[in-house]
Amino acid sequence: MLSNSGQIVENTDLPIGKPSLFLTGASGSLGKALALQHALPGVAMHLWGRDSGKLSQTAQAVMSQGAQVRETVIDLIDVAAAT
């Protein structure tokens, strides 16, 4: 996970070769709904969002459905943080 300052807090490597989903806005209600809709066993999900608490809740819900998750706390208004 990356902090808002861009420092690595935790790194969870996801397996290569599995179905993957990259979702921005995952800490919001629409992003959470989309993540849950696509959370299946064997799917690797990369979840980005601004609110660390809500993003963590989304990640926990997705993992409970069998998907693997990598969380990144980021505000995409800061374009440099996304690169």
PDB file of N, CA and C in Angstrom:
ATOM      1  N   MET A   1       0.850  -1.167   0.000  1.00  0.00           N
ATOM      2  CA  MET A   1       0.000   0.000   0.000  1.00  0.00           C
ATOM      3  C   MET A   1       0.897   1.233   0.000  1.00  0.00           C
ATOM      4  N   LEU A   2       0.462   2.287  -0.669  1.00  0.00           N
ATOM      5  CA  LEU A   2       1.202   3.531  -0.664  1.00  0.00           C
ATOM      6  C   LEU A   2       0.470   4.541   0.197  1.00  0.00           C
ATOM      7  N   SER A   3       1.224   5.310   0.949  1.00  0.00           N
ATOM      8  CA  SER A   3       0.625   6.383   1.724  1.00  0.00           C
ATOM      9  C   SER A   3       0.375   7.574   0.810  1.00  0.00           C
ATOM     10  N   ASN A   4      -0.332   8.574   1.310  1.00  0.00           N
ATOM     11  CA  ASN A   4      -0.584   9.764   0.504  1.00  0.00           C
ATOM     12  C   ASN A   4       0.699  10.449   0.087  1.00  0.00           C
ATOM     13  N   SER A   5       1.772  10.241   0.830  1.00  0.00           N
ATOM     14  CA  SER A   5       3.050  10.848   0.466  1.00  0.00           C
ATOM     15  C   SER A   5       3.791  10.016  -0.576  1.00  0.00           C
ATOM     16  N   GLY A   6       3.225   8.861  -0.955  1.00  0.00           N
ATOM     17  CA  GLY A   6       3.841   8.010  -1.964  1.00  0.00           C
ATOM     18  C   GLY A   6       4.829   7.005  -1.413  1.00  0.00           C
ATOM     19  N   GLN A   7       4.986   6.938  -0.093  1.00  0.00           N
ATOM     20  CA  GLN A   7       5.902   5.973   0.498  1.00  0.00           C
ATOM     21  C   GLN A   7       5.222   4.608   0.586  1.00  0.00           C
ATOM     22  N   ILE A   8       5.984   3.566   0.340  1.00  0.00           N
ATOM     23  CA  ILE A   8       5.434   2.217   0.421  1.00  0.00           C
ATOM     24  C   ILE A   8       5.237   1.841   1.874  1.00  0.00           C
ATOM     25  N   VAL A   9       3.996   1.490   2.220  1.00  0.00           N
ATOM     26  CA  VAL A   9       3.673   1.054   3.569  1.00  0.00           C
ATOM     27  C   VAL A   9       3.661  -0.469   3.616  1.00  0.00           C
ATOM     28  N   GLU A  10       3.101  -1.076   2.603  1.00  0.00           N
ATOM     29  CA  GLU A  10       3.007  -2.528   2.536  1.00  0.00           C
ATOM     30  C   GLU A  10       2.996  -2.907   1.069  1.00  0.00           C
ATOM     31  N   ASN A  11       3.638  -3.978   0.704  1.00  0.00           N
ATOM     32  CA  ASN A  11       3.660  -4.415  -0.683  1.00  0.00           C
ATOM     33  C   ASN A  11       3.146  -5.837  -0.749  1.00  0.00           C
ATOM     34  N   THR A  12       2.052  -6.028  -1.431  1.00  0.00           N
ATOM     35  CA  THR A  12       1.487  -7.356  -1.632  1.00  0.00           C
ATOM     36  C   THR A  12       1.618  -7.692  -3.102  1.00  0.00           C
ATOM     37  N   ASP A  13       2.527  -8.583  -3.445  1.00  0.00           N
ATOM     38  CA  ASP A  13       2.697  -8.964  -4.839  1.00  0.00           C
ATOM     39  C   ASP A  13       1.563  -9.882  -5.260  1.00  0.00           C
ATOM     40  N   LEU A  14       0.967  -9.568  -6.386  1.00  0.00           N
ATOM     41  CA  LEU A  14      -0.107 -10.382  -6.925  1.00  0.00           C
ATOM     42  C   LEU A  14       0.456 -11.274  -8.018  1.00  0.00           C
ATOM     43  N   PRO A  15      -0.075 -12.484  -8.142  1.00  0.00           N
ATOM     44  CA  PRO A  15       0.464 -13.416  -9.125  1.00  0.00           C
ATOM     45  C   PRO A  15       0.237 -12.939 -10.558  1.00  0.00           C
ATOM     46  N   ILE A  16       1.215 -13.208 -11.397  1.00  0.00           N
ATOM     47  CA  ILE A  16       1.110 -12.880 -12.820  1.00  0.00           C
ATOM     48  C   ILE A  16       0.375 -14.023 -13.506  1.00  0.00           C
ATOM     49  N   GLY A  17      -0.419 -13.684 -14.507  1.00  0.00           N
ATOM     50  CA  GLY A  17      -1.120 -14.701 -15.265  1.00  0.00           C
ATOM     51  C   GLY A  17      -2.541 -14.950 -14.801  1.00  0.00           C
ATOM     52  N   LYS A  18      -2.967 -14.304 -13.745  1.00  0.00           N
ATOM     53  CA  LYS A  18      -4.343 -14.439 -13.281  1.00  0.00           C
ATOM     54  C   LYS A  18      -5.175 -13.296 -13.845  1.00  0.00           C
ATOM     55  N   PRO A  19      -6.486 -13.488 -13.927  1.00  0.00           N
ATOM     56  CA  PRO A  19      -7.342 -12.361 -14.315  1.00  0.00           C
ATOM     57  C   PRO A  19      -7.141 -11.216 -13.331  1.00  0.00           C
ATOM     58  N   SER A  20      -7.030  -9.994 -13.853  1.00  0.00           N
ATOM     59  CA  SER A  20      -6.766  -8.831 -13.006  1.00  0.00           C
ATOM     60  C   SER A  20      -7.752  -7.714 -13.291  1.00  0.00           C
ATOM     61  N   LEU A  21      -7.962  -6.899 -12.266  1.00  0.00           N
ATOM     62  CA  LEU A  21      -8.821  -5.724 -12.386  1.00  0.00           C
ATOM     63  C   LEU A  21      -8.122  -4.569 -11.693  1.00  0.00           C
ATOM     64  N   PHE A  22      -8.011  -3.446 -12.388  1.00  0.00           N
ATOM     65  CA  PHE A  22      -7.450  -2.227 -11.815  1.00  0.00           C
ATOM     66  C   PHE A  22      -8.611  -1.259 -11.653  1.00  0.00           C
ATOM     67  N   LEU A  23      -8.874  -0.826 -10.418  1.00  0.00           N
ATOM     68  CA  LEU A  23     -10.049  -0.001 -10.150  1.00  0.00           C
ATOM     69  C   LEU A  23      -9.659   1.220  -9.337  1.00  0.00           C
ATOM     70  N   THR A  24      -9.898   2.400  -9.908  1.00  0.00           N
ATOM     71  CA  THR A  24      -9.697   3.644  -9.167  1.00  0.00           C
ATOM     72  C   THR A  24     -11.020   4.022  -8.510  1.00  0.00           C
ATOM     73  N   GLY A  25     -10.955   4.806  -7.460  1.00  0.00           N
ATOM     74  CA  GLY A  25     -12.171   5.211  -6.761  1.00  0.00           C
ATOM     75  C   GLY A  25     -12.756   4.106  -5.908  1.00  0.00           C
ATOM     76  N   ALA A  26     -11.927   3.141  -5.530  1.00  0.00           N
ATOM     77  CA  ALA A  26     -12.413   1.970  -4.798  1.00  0.00           C
ATOM     78  C   ALA A  26     -12.817   2.281  -3.365  1.00  0.00           C
ATOM     79  N   SER A  27     -12.492   3.467  -2.861  1.00  0.00           N
ATOM     80  CA  SER A  27     -12.913   3.816  -1.502  1.00  0.00           C
ATOM     81  C   SER A  27     -14.280   4.512  -1.501  1.00  0.00           C
ATOM     82  N   GLY A  28     -14.832   4.782  -2.669  1.00  0.00           N
ATOM     83  CA  GLY A  28     -16.165   5.367  -2.761  1.00  0.00           C
ATOM     84  C   GLY A  28     -17.228   4.295  -2.904  1.00  0.00           C
ATOM     85  N   SER A  29     -18.476   4.679  -2.821  1.00  0.00           N
ATOM     86  CA  SER A  29     -19.560   3.692  -2.859  1.00  0.00           C
ATOM     87  C   SER A  29     -19.673   2.997  -4.215  1.00  0.00           C
ATOM     88  N   LEU A  30     -19.522   3.727  -5.313  1.00  0.00           N
ATOM     89  CA  LEU A  30     -19.588   3.104  -6.635  1.00  0.00           C
ATOM     90  C   LEU A  30     -18.388   2.190  -6.856  1.00  0.00           C
ATOM     91  N   GLY A  31     -17.205   2.650  -6.476  1.00  0.00           N
ATOM     92  CA  GLY A  31     -16.016   1.828  -6.616  1.00  0.00           C
ATOM     93  C   GLY A  31     -16.097   0.546  -5.802  1.00  0.00           C
ATOM     94  N   LYS A  32     -16.632   0.646  -4.587  1.00  0.00           N
ATOM     95  CA  LYS A  32     -16.797  -0.546  -3.754  1.00  0.00           C
ATOM     96  C   LYS A  32     -17.767  -1.515  -4.402  1.00  0.00           C
ATOM     97  N   ALA A  33     -18.873  -0.997  -4.930  1.00  0.00           N
ATOM     98  CA  ALA A  33     -19.866  -1.863  -5.586  1.00  0.00           C
ATOM     99  C   ALA A  33     -19.251  -2.573  -6.793  1.00  0.00           C
ATOM    100  N   LEU A  34     -18.465  -1.853  -7.587  1.00  0.00           N
ATOM    101  CA  LEU A  34     -17.810  -2.470  -8.742  1.00  0.00           C
ATOM    102  C   LEU A  34     -16.803  -3.527  -8.306  1.00  0.00           C
ATOM    103  N   ALA A  35     -16.034  -3.224  -7.272  1.00  0.00           N
ATOM    104  CA  ALA A  35     -15.057  -4.189  -6.773  1.00  0.00           C
ATOM    105  C   ALA A  35     -15.748  -5.469  -6.300  1.00  0.00           C
ATOM    106  N   LEU A  36     -16.829  -5.313  -5.559  1.00  0.00           N
ATOM    107  CA  LEU A  36     -17.542  -6.487  -5.051  1.00  0.00           C
ATOM    108  C   LEU A  36     -18.185  -7.287  -6.182  1.00  0.00           C
ATOM    109  N   GLN A  37     -18.639  -6.596  -7.210  1.00  0.00           N
ATOM    110  CA  GLN A  37     -19.256  -7.278  -8.352  1.00  0.00           C
ATOM    111  C   GLN A  37     -18.254  -8.188  -9.067  1.00  0.00           C
ATOM    112  N   HIS A  38     -16.993  -7.783  -9.080  1.00  0.00           N
ATOM    113  CA  HIS A  38     -15.962  -8.519  -9.817  1.00  0.00           C
ATOM    114  C   HIS A  38     -15.051  -9.357  -8.924  1.00  0.00           C
ATOM    115  N   ALA A  39     -15.313  -9.377  -7.640  1.00  0.00           N
ATOM    116  CA  ALA A  39     -14.465 -10.129  -6.704  1.00  0.00           C
ATOM    117  C   ALA A  39     -14.804 -11.610  -6.770  1.00  0.00           C
ATOM    118  N   LEU A  40     -13.937 -12.346  -7.398  1.00  0.00           N
ATOM    119  CA  LEU A  40     -14.110 -13.790  -7.530  1.00  0.00           C
ATOM    120  C   LEU A  40     -12.816 -14.492  -7.137  1.00  0.00           C
ATOM    121  N   PRO A  41     -12.909 -15.722  -6.678  1.00  0.00           N
ATOM    122  CA  PRO A  41     -11.683 -16.459  -6.373  1.00  0.00           C
ATOM    123  C   PRO A  41     -10.771 -16.505  -7.595  1.00  0.00           C
ATOM    124  N   GLY A  42      -9.500 -16.235  -7.375  1.00  0.00           N
ATOM    125  CA  GLY A  42      -8.529 -16.269  -8.453  1.00  0.00           C
ATOM    126  C   GLY A  42      -8.326 -14.948  -9.165  1.00  0.00           C
ATOM    127  N   VAL A  43      -9.146 -13.946  -8.878  1.00  0.00           N
ATOM    128  CA  VAL A  43      -8.994 -12.636  -9.505  1.00  0.00           C
ATOM    129  C   VAL A  43      -8.056 -11.781  -8.658  1.00  0.00           C
ATOM    130  N   ALA A  44      -7.113 -11.115  -9.310  1.00  0.00           N
ATOM    131  CA  ALA A  44      -6.197 -10.197  -8.639  1.00  0.00           C
ATOM    132  C   ALA A  44      -6.725  -8.782  -8.850  1.00  0.00           C
ATOM    133  N   MET A  45      -6.980  -8.067  -7.756  1.00  0.00           N
ATOM    134  CA  MET A  45      -7.560  -6.735  -7.849  1.00  0.00           C
ATOM    135  C   MET A  45      -6.591  -5.687  -7.318  1.00  0.00           C
ATOM    136  N   HIS A  46      -6.405  -4.629  -8.097  1.00  0.00           N
ATOM    137  CA  HIS A  46      -5.588  -3.485  -7.713  1.00  0.00           C
ATOM    138  C   HIS A  46      -6.569  -2.357  -7.403  1.00  0.00           C
ATOM    139  N   LEU A  47      -6.720  -2.029  -6.132  1.00  0.00           N
ATOM    140  CA  LEU A  47      -7.701  -1.037  -5.706  1.00  0.00           C
ATOM    141  C   LEU A  47      -7.017   0.254  -5.307  1.00  0.00           C
ATOM    142  N   TRP A  48      -7.423   1.353  -5.931  1.00  0.00           N
ATOM    143  CA  TRP A  48      -6.908   2.678  -5.608  1.00  0.00           C
ATOM    144  C   TRP A  48      -8.038   3.515  -5.051  1.00  0.00           C
ATOM    145  N   GLY A  49      -7.742   4.316  -4.023  1.00  0.00           N
ATOM    146  CA  GLY A  49      -8.736   5.221  -3.465  1.00  0.00           C
ATOM    147  C   GLY A  49      -8.085   6.236  -2.542  1.00  0.00           C
ATOM    148  N   ARG A  50      -8.839   7.294  -2.218  1.00  0.00           N
ATOM    149  CA  ARG A  50      -8.302   8.386  -1.387  1.00  0.00           C
ATOM    150  C   ARG A  50      -8.451   8.131   0.105  1.00  0.00           C
ATOM    151  N   ASP A  51      -9.501   7.454   0.520  1.00  0.00           N
ATOM    152  CA  ASP A  51      -9.814   7.274   1.939  1.00  0.00           C
ATOM    153  C   ASP A  51      -9.291   5.915   2.401  1.00  0.00           C
ATOM    154  N   SER A  52      -8.227   5.933   3.213  1.00  0.00           N
ATOM    155  CA  SER A  52      -7.579   4.669   3.606  1.00  0.00           C
ATOM    156  C   SER A  52      -8.512   3.748   4.383  1.00  0.00           C
ATOM    157  N   GLY A  53      -9.338   4.310   5.250  1.00  0.00           N
ATOM    158  CA  GLY A  53     -10.258   3.483   6.033  1.00  0.00           C
ATOM    159  C   GLY A  53     -11.292   2.788   5.164  1.00  0.00           C
ATOM    160  N   LYS A  54     -11.908   3.544   4.273  1.00  0.00           N
ATOM    161  CA  LYS A  54     -12.924   2.974   3.376  1.00  0.00           C
ATOM    162  C   LYS A  54     -12.294   2.015   2.369  1.00  0.00           C
ATOM    163  N   LEU A  55     -11.087   2.340   1.912  1.00  0.00           N
ATOM    164  CA  LEU A  55     -10.393   1.457   0.984  1.00  0.00           C
ATOM    165  C   LEU A  55     -10.083   0.118   1.653  1.00  0.00           C
ATOM    166  N   SER A  56      -9.680   0.173   2.908  1.00  0.00           N
ATOM    167  CA  SER A  56      -9.401  -1.045   3.657  1.00  0.00           C
ATOM    168  C   SER A  56     -10.664  -1.893   3.822  1.00  0.00           C
ATOM    169  N   GLN A  57     -11.790  -1.235   4.079  1.00  0.00           N
ATOM    170  CA  GLN A  57     -13.068  -1.954   4.187  1.00  0.00           C
ATOM    171  C   GLN A  57     -13.419  -2.635   2.871  1.00  0.00           C
ATOM    172  N   THR A  58     -13.221  -1.922   1.767  1.00  0.00           N
ATOM    173  CA  THR A  58     -13.480  -2.515   0.449  1.00  0.00           C
ATOM    174  C   THR A  58     -12.569  -3.709   0.221  1.00  0.00           C
ATOM    175  N   ALA A  59     -11.295  -3.548   0.536  1.00  0.00           N
ATOM    176  CA  ALA A  59     -10.336  -4.636   0.332  1.00  0.00           C
ATOM    177  C   ALA A  59     -10.706  -5.863   1.157  1.00  0.00           C
ATOM    178  N   GLN A  60     -11.099  -5.660   2.397  1.00  0.00           N
ATOM    179  CA  GLN A  60     -11.498  -6.788   3.252  1.00  0.00           C
ATOM    180  C   GLN A  60     -12.722  -7.509   2.681  1.00  0.00           C
ATOM    181  N   ALA A  61     -13.699  -6.740   2.210  1.00  0.00           N
ATOM    182  CA  ALA A  61     -14.910  -7.331   1.632  1.00  0.00           C
ATOM    183  C   ALA A  61     -14.574  -8.127   0.366  1.00  0.00           C
ATOM    184  N   VAL A  62     -13.675  -7.588  -0.450  1.00  0.00           N
ATOM    185  CA  VAL A  62     -13.271  -8.255  -1.686  1.00  0.00           C
ATOM    186  C   VAL A  62     -12.512  -9.542  -1.371  1.00  0.00           C
ATOM    187  N   MET A  63     -11.600  -9.477  -0.399  1.00  0.00           N
ATOM    188  CA  MET A  63     -10.845 -10.678  -0.025  1.00  0.00           C
ATOM    189  C   MET A  63     -11.759 -11.750   0.552  1.00  0.00           C
ATOM    190  N   SER A  64     -12.818 -11.343   1.247  1.00  0.00           N
ATOM    191  CA  SER A  64     -13.744 -12.329   1.812  1.00  0.00           C
ATOM    192  C   SER A  64     -14.496 -13.093   0.724  1.00  0.00           C
ATOM    193  N   GLN A  65     -14.493 -12.560  -0.491  1.00  0.00           N
ATOM    194  CA  GLN A  65     -15.120 -13.233  -1.627  1.00  0.00           C
ATOM    195  C   GLN A  65     -14.107 -14.034  -2.437  1.00  0.00           C
ATOM    196  N   GLY A  66     -12.852 -14.067  -1.983  1.00  0.00           N
ATOM    197  CA  GLY A  66     -11.848 -14.926  -2.592  1.00  0.00           C
ATOM    198  C   GLY A  66     -10.860 -14.254  -3.515  1.00  0.00           C
ATOM    199  N   ALA A  67     -11.025 -12.976  -3.795  1.00  0.00           N
ATOM    200  CA  ALA A  67     -10.070 -12.278  -4.666  1.00  0.00           C
ATOM    201  C   ALA A  67      -8.827 -11.875  -3.873  1.00  0.00           C
ATOM    202  N   GLN A  68      -7.733 -11.682  -4.590  1.00  0.00           N
ATOM    203  CA  GLN A  68      -6.514 -11.154  -3.989  1.00  0.00           C
ATOM    204  C   GLN A  68      -6.489  -9.660  -4.235  1.00  0.00           C
ATOM    205  N   VAL A  69      -5.949  -8.908  -3.276  1.00  0.00           N
ATOM    206  CA  VAL A  69      -6.044  -7.456  -3.342  1.00  0.00           C
ATOM    207  C   VAL A  69      -4.703  -6.785  -3.087  1.00  0.00           C
ATOM    208  N   ARG A  70      -4.469  -5.728  -3.829  1.00  0.00           N
ATOM    209  CA  ARG A  70      -3.378  -4.792  -3.546  1.00  0.00           C
ATOM    210  C   ARG A  70      -4.024  -3.409  -3.426  1.00  0.00           C
ATOM    211  N   GLU A  71      -3.884  -2.786  -2.274  1.00  0.00           N
ATOM    212  CA  GLU A  71      -4.471  -1.469  -2.009  1.00  0.00           C
ATOM    213  C   GLU A  71      -3.436  -0.374  -2.231  1.00  0.00           C
ATOM    214  N   THR A  72      -3.884   0.732  -2.787  1.00  0.00           N
ATOM    215  CA  THR A  72      -3.037   1.915  -2.907  1.00  0.00           C
ATOM    216  C   THR A  72      -3.864   3.126  -2.516  1.00  0.00           C
ATOM    217  N   VAL A  73      -3.437   3.812  -1.464  1.00  0.00           N
ATOM    218  CA  VAL A  73      -4.095   5.045  -1.045  1.00  0.00           C
ATOM    219  C   VAL A  73      -3.470   6.167  -1.860  1.00  0.00           C
ATOM    220  N   ILE A  74      -4.308   6.805  -2.699  1.00  0.00           N
ATOM    221  CA  ILE A  74      -3.792   7.809  -3.619  1.00  0.00           C
ATOM    222  C   ILE A  74      -4.902   8.773  -4.005  1.00  0.00           C
ATOM    223  N   ASP A  75      -4.531  10.011  -4.227  1.00  0.00           N
ATOM    224  CA  ASP A  75      -5.455  11.019  -4.744  1.00  0.00           C
ATOM    225  C   ASP A  75      -5.002  11.324  -6.166  1.00  0.00           C
ATOM    226  N   LEU A  76      -5.792  10.941  -7.143  1.00  0.00           N
ATOM    227  CA  LEU A  76      -5.382  11.086  -8.532  1.00  0.00           C
ATOM    228  C   LEU A  76      -5.384  12.523  -9.024  1.00  0.00           C
ATOM    229  N   ILE A  77      -5.811  13.457  -8.190  1.00  0.00           N
ATOM    230  CA  ILE A  77      -5.646  14.861  -8.547  1.00  0.00           C
ATOM    231  C   ILE A  77      -4.146  15.180  -8.626  1.00  0.00           C
ATOM    232  N   ASP A  78      -3.349  14.475  -7.809  1.00  0.00           N
ATOM    233  CA  ASP A  78      -1.901  14.602  -7.839  1.00  0.00           C
ATOM    234  C   ASP A  78      -1.369  13.636  -8.904  1.00  0.00           C
ATOM    235  N   VAL A  79      -1.260  14.107 -10.134  1.00  0.00           N
ATOM    236  CA  VAL A  79      -0.877  13.266 -11.261  1.00  0.00           C
ATOM    237  C   VAL A  79       0.484  12.610 -11.031  1.00  0.00           C
ATOM    238  N   ALA A  80       1.395  13.309 -10.429  1.00  0.00           N
ATOM    239  CA  ALA A  80       2.739  12.749 -10.206  1.00  0.00           C
ATOM    240  C   ALA A  80       2.690  11.535  -9.282  1.00  0.00           C
ATOM    241  N   ALA A  81       1.748  11.482  -8.372  1.00  0.00           N
ATOM    242  CA  ALA A  81       1.645  10.346  -7.457  1.00  0.00           C
ATOM    243  C   ALA A  81       1.230   9.071  -8.172  1.00  0.00           C
ATOM    244  N   ALA A  82       0.569   9.207  -9.300  1.00  0.00           N
ATOM    245  CA  ALA A  82       0.069   8.044 -10.028  1.00  0.00           C
ATOM    246  C   ALA A  82       1.104   7.450 -10.978  1.00  0.00           C
ATOM    247  N   THR A  83       2.238   8.090 -11.104  1.00  0.00           N
ATOM    248  CA  THR A  83       3.245   7.573 -12.045  1.00  0.00           C
ATOM    249  C   THR A  83       4.322   6.814 -11.337  1.00  0.00           C
TER     250      THR A  83
END
